[in-house]
Amino acid sequence: METKRPLRSDLLQPVQLRLDGLFERLQHLERILAEVPDGLSEHVQHRLESAALSSGLNALRRSYEAIVTVLCLALDGSVPDAEESWYGDALDQLSGSGSGRRPVLPSDLAHTLREVVADLNFDPILELDETLAVQRRRRQAAMLAAPLLVGALTALDSRLINGTLRIGCAPDPEFVAQHPGRVERAKAQERALHHVLSCIKVAFRDRGHTVIPFGSLIEGRVHGRSDLDLIVPGDVTREEQGELWNIAEDVTRAEGVEFDLHFPNLYRDEFLDRIQVIKDGRIAPLRDLIAAATDPKTLED
């Protein structure tokens, strides 16, 4: 399953980035399922299939959640952030028209996207058959949702280009006024992320390392659940990695912020080219972001 880059509007480039990741994860899931060997007992084969589905579906869930989150932020200026219900609330927001724009997601697509993240309500280890049945339905929903989502986003892109999406101004002031709590929580989270990043930069620099943020913070699309994505370029020993990780953990714990810390020297060379980020409003490989951040001229400025 492949997708060309269909979205032209600048507003949707962060969405396109996540969409590309979604299709990579769909392909990965199909590959690992194809690698489940034949000729085993039915029980063992089902165990292996379930394990592959568990890993692949968790990744797909994160992709769909990321797309929905960025869409809400890009179009409406805020995203629901209730811990248990935010995803369903966000789908309701995107399939509705109460935010100064036309509906973005058809109701049938919103329903399918809910099925992708359906949770198990029983023990997945003890009840393998039931677990596998749910996983297979989720996989089917994920495969069905992808082309439908591309179609909806392509239509949205056209409306953004020709100016027919909005019923009013963007984002609609009345809509924003209805959700002051989530807007304030997003602002508070952004302040916390910047504070944590500043502390981590100082601590890492004192130990001879540079840390570079990427993700929602540098895209300017922080919400109440945003975490901090960080990468440490260059050669970092195992001992140093552990020390840096502990420092970041101590700093983020104090602010109640979650983080991801990446060390490129642990990965293959193509990692920096395969991982895409938003840089200056455009999709670019992570290597370009690192090059700009570590350029001596940039550091002098």
Protein backbone atom coordinates (compact mmCIF):
# COMPACT_ATOMS: atom_id res chain seq x y z
CA MET A 1 0.00 0.00 0.00
CA GLU A 2 1.54 3.26 -1.10
CA THR A 3 0.56 6.90 -1.01
CA LYS A 4 2.00 9.77 -2.97
CA ARG A 5 2.26 13.06 -1.15
CA PRO A 6 -1.23 14.39 -1.96
CA LEU A 7 -1.51 17.39 0.36
CA ARG A 8 -0.45 20.77 -1.00
CA SER A 9 -1.53 23.29 1.63
CA ASP A 10 1.08 24.43 4.15
CA LEU A 11 -1.42 23.96 6.96
CA LEU A 12 -1.59 20.22 6.32
CA GLN A 13 2.12 19.44 6.03
CA PRO A 14 2.28 18.21 9.67
CA VAL A 15 -0.70 15.97 8.82
CA GLN A 16 1.07 14.69 5.72
CA LEU A 17 4.09 13.83 7.83
CA ARG A 18 1.95 11.62 10.09
CA LEU A 19 0.12 10.19 7.08
CA ASP A 20 3.41 9.03 5.58
CA GLY A 21 4.24 7.36 8.88
CA LEU A 22 0.85 5.66 8.93
CA PHE A 23 1.43 4.01 5.56
CA GLU A 24 4.89 2.86 6.61
CA ARG A 25 3.36 1.22 9.66
CA LEU A 26 0.61 -0.41 7.62
CA GLN A 27 3.24 -1.93 5.34
CA HIS A 28 5.28 -3.06 8.34
CA LEU A 29 2.28 -4.82 9.86
CA GLU A 30 1.62 -6.71 6.64
CA ARG A 31 5.28 -7.76 6.47
CA ILE A 32 5.42 -9.13 10.01
CA LEU A 33 2.14 -10.99 9.54
CA ALA A 34 3.51 -12.56 6.35
CA GLU A 35 6.53 -13.76 8.33
CA VAL A 36 4.42 -15.89 10.68
CA PRO A 37 5.52 -19.41 9.66
CA ASP A 38 3.16 -22.08 8.37
CA GLY A 39 3.12 -25.69 9.51
CA LEU A 40 2.80 -24.93 13.22
CA SER A 41 -0.01 -25.99 15.50
CA GLU A 42 -3.07 -23.76 15.30
CA HIS A 43 -2.54 -22.56 18.88
CA VAL A 44 1.08 -21.56 18.28
CA GLN A 45 0.25 -19.91 14.98
CA HIS A 46 -2.52 -17.91 16.61
CA ARG A 47 -0.15 -16.85 19.39
CA LEU A 48 2.38 -15.59 16.86
CA GLU A 49 -0.27 -13.81 14.81
CA SER A 50 -1.66 -12.17 17.93
CA ALA A 51 1.80 -10.99 19.00
CA ALA A 52 2.44 -9.50 15.56
CA LEU A 53 -0.95 -7.80 15.54
CA SER A 54 -0.44 -6.42 19.03
CA SER A 55 2.80 -4.70 18.07
CA GLY A 56 1.60 -3.48 14.69
CA LEU A 57 -1.79 -2.25 15.87
CA ASN A 58 -0.27 -0.28 18.74
CA ALA A 59 1.90 1.56 16.23
CA LEU A 60 -1.08 2.17 13.94
CA ARG A 61 -3.11 3.47 16.85
CA ARG A 62 -0.41 6.05 17.58
CA SER A 63 -0.39 7.11 13.92
CA TYR A 64 -4.15 7.58 13.71
CA GLU A 65 -4.20 9.41 17.05
CA ALA A 66 -1.41 11.71 15.87
CA ILE A 67 -3.24 12.54 12.64
CA VAL A 68 -6.47 13.31 14.50
CA THR A 69 -4.61 15.45 17.04
CA VAL A 70 -2.76 17.52 14.45
CA LEU A 71 -5.93 17.99 12.39
CA CYS A 72 -7.79 19.41 15.40
CA LEU A 73 -4.93 21.75 16.24
CA ALA A 74 -4.40 22.89 12.65
CA LEU A 75 -8.06 23.55 11.90
CA ASP A 76 -9.60 24.51 15.24
CA GLY A 77 -6.72 25.68 17.40
CA SER A 78 -7.33 23.11 20.14
CA VAL A 79 -7.85 19.41 20.69
CA PRO A 80 -9.85 17.60 23.40
CA ASP A 81 -7.58 16.41 26.20
CA ALA A 82 -9.72 14.37 28.61
CA GLU A 83 -7.57 11.35 29.41
CA GLU A 84 -10.12 8.63 28.66
CA SER A 85 -12.34 10.18 25.99
CA TRP A 86 -10.17 12.64 24.05
CA TYR A 87 -9.89 10.53 20.88
CA GLY A 88 -13.63 10.02 20.48
CA ASP A 89 -14.24 13.67 21.36
CA ALA A 90 -11.70 14.73 18.73
CA LEU A 91 -13.40 12.60 16.07
CA ASP A 92 -16.72 14.21 17.01
CA GLN A 93 -15.07 17.61 16.66
CA LEU A 94 -13.68 16.84 13.20
CA SER A 95 -16.90 15.29 11.91
CA GLY A 96 -18.93 18.25 13.15
CA SER A 97 -19.29 21.79 11.86
CA GLY A 98 -19.45 23.79 15.06
CA SER A 99 -16.02 25.37 14.78
CA GLY A 100 -16.43 27.80 11.93
CA ARG A 101 -15.78 25.26 9.20
CA ARG A 102 -17.41 22.47 7.28
CA PRO A 103 -17.12 18.88 8.59
CA VAL A 104 -13.75 17.33 7.81
CA LEU A 105 -14.36 13.63 8.44
CA PRO A 106 -17.43 11.78 7.13
CA SER A 107 -19.34 10.06 9.92
CA ASP A 108 -18.62 6.58 8.52
CA LEU A 109 -14.88 7.30 8.53
CA ALA A 110 -15.07 8.61 12.10
CA HIS A 111 -16.82 5.36 13.09
CA THR A 112 -14.11 3.27 11.41
CA LEU A 113 -11.38 5.28 13.13
CA ARG A 114 -13.00 4.48 16.47
CA GLU A 115 -12.86 0.77 15.65
CA VAL A 116 -9.11 1.01 15.01
CA VAL A 117 -8.47 1.83 18.68
CA ALA A 118 -11.08 -0.47 20.24
CA ASP A 119 -9.80 -1.76 23.58
CA LEU A 120 -10.01 -5.30 24.88
CA ASN A 121 -12.38 -5.76 27.80
CA PHE A 122 -11.02 -9.16 28.81
CA ASP A 123 -7.69 -10.84 29.59
CA PRO A 124 -5.76 -11.04 26.29
CA ILE A 125 -3.55 -13.88 27.56
CA LEU A 126 -6.25 -16.18 28.89
CA GLU A 127 -8.73 -15.55 26.08
CA LEU A 128 -6.64 -15.86 22.94
CA ASP A 129 -9.48 -16.55 20.51
CA GLU A 130 -11.46 -13.51 21.64
CA THR A 131 -8.33 -11.36 21.57
CA LEU A 132 -7.43 -12.46 18.06
CA ALA A 133 -10.96 -11.78 16.82
CA VAL A 134 -10.79 -8.20 18.13
CA GLN A 135 -7.30 -7.71 16.72
CA ARG A 136 -8.38 -8.92 13.30
CA ARG A 137 -11.32 -6.51 13.32
CA ARG A 138 -9.01 -3.67 14.32
CA ARG A 139 -6.61 -4.56 11.53
CA GLN A 140 -9.46 -4.62 9.02
CA ALA A 141 -10.64 -1.23 10.27
CA ALA A 142 -7.11 0.18 10.02
CA MET A 143 -6.75 -1.03 6.43
CA LEU A 144 -10.18 0.32 5.50
CA ALA A 145 -9.66 3.67 7.20
CA ALA A 146 -6.37 4.53 5.46
CA PRO A 147 -7.64 5.13 1.90
CA LEU A 148 -10.82 6.75 3.24
CA LEU A 149 -8.68 9.10 5.29
CA VAL A 150 -6.54 9.98 2.28
CA GLY A 151 -9.72 10.80 0.37
CA ALA A 152 -11.06 13.00 3.17
CA LEU A 153 -7.73 14.79 3.56
CA THR A 154 -7.42 15.35 -0.19
CA ALA A 155 -10.89 16.92 -0.20
CA LEU A 156 -9.92 19.04 2.80
CA ASP A 157 -6.73 20.10 1.05
CA SER A 158 -8.71 21.27 -1.97
CA ARG A 159 -11.07 23.27 0.23
CA LEU A 160 -8.14 24.91 1.97
CA ILE A 161 -6.53 25.76 -1.36
CA ASN A 162 -9.69 27.24 -2.88
CA GLY A 163 -10.93 28.84 0.34
CA THR A 164 -14.23 26.97 0.71
CA LEU A 165 -13.61 25.19 4.03
CA ARG A 166 -14.48 28.03 6.33
CA ILE A 167 -17.96 29.11 7.25
CA GLY A 168 -16.48 31.87 9.40
CA CYS A 169 -13.02 32.92 10.53
CA ALA A 170 -10.27 30.52 11.55
CA PRO A 171 -10.33 29.39 14.26
CA ASP A 172 -13.86 30.37 15.15
CA PRO A 173 -13.76 32.64 18.27
CA GLU A 174 -17.01 31.19 19.57
CA PHE A 175 -15.59 27.68 19.37
CA VAL A 176 -12.38 28.70 21.15
CA ALA A 177 -14.42 30.45 23.84
CA GLN A 178 -16.31 27.22 24.47
CA HIS A 179 -13.10 25.43 25.41
CA PRO A 180 -11.03 27.80 27.56
CA GLY A 181 -9.82 24.98 29.78
CA ARG A 182 -8.14 23.00 27.04
CA VAL A 183 -6.56 26.15 25.56
CA GLU A 184 -5.13 27.13 28.94
CA ARG A 185 -3.89 23.60 29.57
CA ALA A 186 -2.14 23.64 26.20
CA LYS A 187 -0.45 26.93 27.07
CA ALA A 188 0.61 25.57 30.46
CA GLN A 189 1.99 22.43 28.82
CA GLU A 190 3.94 24.52 26.32
CA ARG A 191 5.50 26.55 29.14
CA ALA A 192 6.41 23.34 30.96
CA LEU A 193 7.97 21.83 27.84
CA HIS A 194 10.07 24.93 27.19
CA HIS A 195 11.22 25.01 30.81
CA VAL A 196 12.14 21.34 30.77
CA LEU A 197 13.95 21.71 27.44
CA SER A 198 15.97 24.64 28.77
CA CYS A 199 17.03 22.68 31.86
CA ILE A 200 17.94 19.60 29.84
CA LYS A 201 19.96 21.65 27.33
CA VAL A 202 22.06 23.14 30.13
CA ALA A 203 22.60 19.81 31.86
CA PHE A 204 23.54 18.04 28.63
CA ARG A 205 25.81 20.87 27.49
CA ASP A 206 27.69 20.68 30.79
CA ARG A 207 28.44 17.07 29.87
CA GLY A 208 29.55 17.91 26.33
CA HIS A 209 26.38 16.95 24.47
CA THR A 210 23.86 18.79 22.32
CA VAL A 211 20.16 18.00 22.54
CA ILE A 212 17.77 18.88 19.72
CA PRO A 213 13.97 18.99 20.07
CA PHE A 214 11.59 17.88 17.34
CA GLY A 215 7.90 17.14 17.13
CA SER A 216 4.97 19.20 18.38
CA LEU A 217 7.03 21.73 20.36
CA ILE A 218 9.04 23.02 17.40
CA GLU A 219 6.00 22.72 15.13
CA GLY A 220 4.13 25.09 17.44
CA ARG A 221 1.30 22.59 17.91
CA VAL A 222 1.40 21.83 21.61
CA HIS A 223 -1.68 20.48 23.37
CA GLY A 224 -2.44 19.38 26.89
CA ARG A 225 -1.01 15.88 26.37
CA SER A 226 2.10 16.83 24.36
CA ASP A 227 5.38 15.20 25.28
CA LEU A 228 8.96 16.24 24.54
CA ASP A 229 10.79 14.55 21.65
CA LEU A 230 14.58 14.89 21.86
CA ILE A 231 17.55 13.63 19.91
CA VAL A 232 21.22 13.64 20.95
CA PRO A 233 23.48 13.63 17.86
CA GLY A 234 27.01 12.31 17.73
CA ASP A 235 28.66 9.37 19.43
CA VAL A 236 27.26 8.70 22.87
CA THR A 237 28.54 5.76 24.91
CA ARG A 238 26.18 3.40 26.70
CA GLU A 239 27.27 4.82 30.03
CA GLU A 240 26.62 8.38 28.84
CA GLN A 241 23.24 7.39 27.44
CA GLY A 242 22.17 6.07 30.81
CA GLU A 243 23.38 9.21 32.56
CA LEU A 244 21.64 11.53 30.09
CA TRP A 245 18.44 9.52 30.27
CA ASN A 246 18.42 9.75 34.07
CA ILE A 247 18.96 13.51 33.93
CA ALA A 248 16.08 13.97 31.49
CA GLU A 249 13.88 11.72 33.59
CA ASP A 250 14.56 13.71 36.76
CA VAL A 251 13.85 17.04 35.06
CA THR A 252 10.67 15.93 33.29
CA ARG A 253 9.29 14.14 36.34
CA ALA A 254 9.45 17.38 38.32
CA GLU A 255 7.23 19.07 35.70
CA GLY A 256 4.98 16.09 35.02
CA VAL A 257 6.15 15.92 31.40
CA GLU A 258 6.72 12.76 29.37
CA PHE A 259 9.67 12.55 26.97
CA ASP A 260 11.37 10.43 24.32
CA LEU A 261 15.16 10.55 24.03
CA HIS A 262 16.85 9.21 20.89
CA PHE A 263 20.51 8.44 20.19
CA PRO A 264 21.09 8.12 16.42
CA ASN A 265 24.36 6.23 16.85
CA LEU A 266 22.26 3.29 18.11
CA TYR A 267 20.44 3.04 14.79
CA ARG A 268 21.38 2.24 11.22
CA ASP A 269 22.68 5.02 8.98
CA GLU A 270 19.38 5.38 7.14
CA PHE A 271 17.56 6.27 10.38
CA LEU A 272 18.29 9.98 10.01
CA ASP A 273 16.98 9.97 6.45
CA ARG A 274 13.98 7.72 7.06
CA ILE A 275 12.61 9.67 10.03
CA GLN A 276 10.83 12.78 8.78
CA VAL A 277 10.15 15.98 10.72
CA ILE A 278 8.69 19.41 10.09
CA LYS A 279 11.42 21.98 9.47
CA ASP A 280 10.56 25.55 8.46
CA GLY A 281 7.01 24.43 7.69
CA ARG A 282 8.12 21.65 5.34
CA ILE A 283 8.68 17.92 5.62
CA ALA A 284 12.39 17.14 5.84
CA PRO A 285 14.57 14.26 7.02
CA LEU A 286 15.75 14.37 10.61
CA ARG A 287 19.31 14.66 9.29
CA ASP A 288 18.52 18.17 7.96
CA LEU A 289 17.20 19.30 11.34
CA ILE A 290 20.33 18.05 13.08
CA ALA A 291 22.61 19.64 10.49
CA ALA A 292 20.95 23.03 10.95
CA ALA A 293 21.00 22.79 14.75
CA THR A 294 24.68 21.81 14.90
CA ASP A 295 25.92 24.18 12.19
CA PRO A 296 28.61 26.42 13.78
CA LYS A 297 27.11 29.47 12.04
CA THR A 298 23.71 28.69 13.56
CA LEU A 299 25.25 28.23 16.99
CA GLU A 300 27.08 31.56 16.72
CA ASP A 301 23.82 33.33 15.86
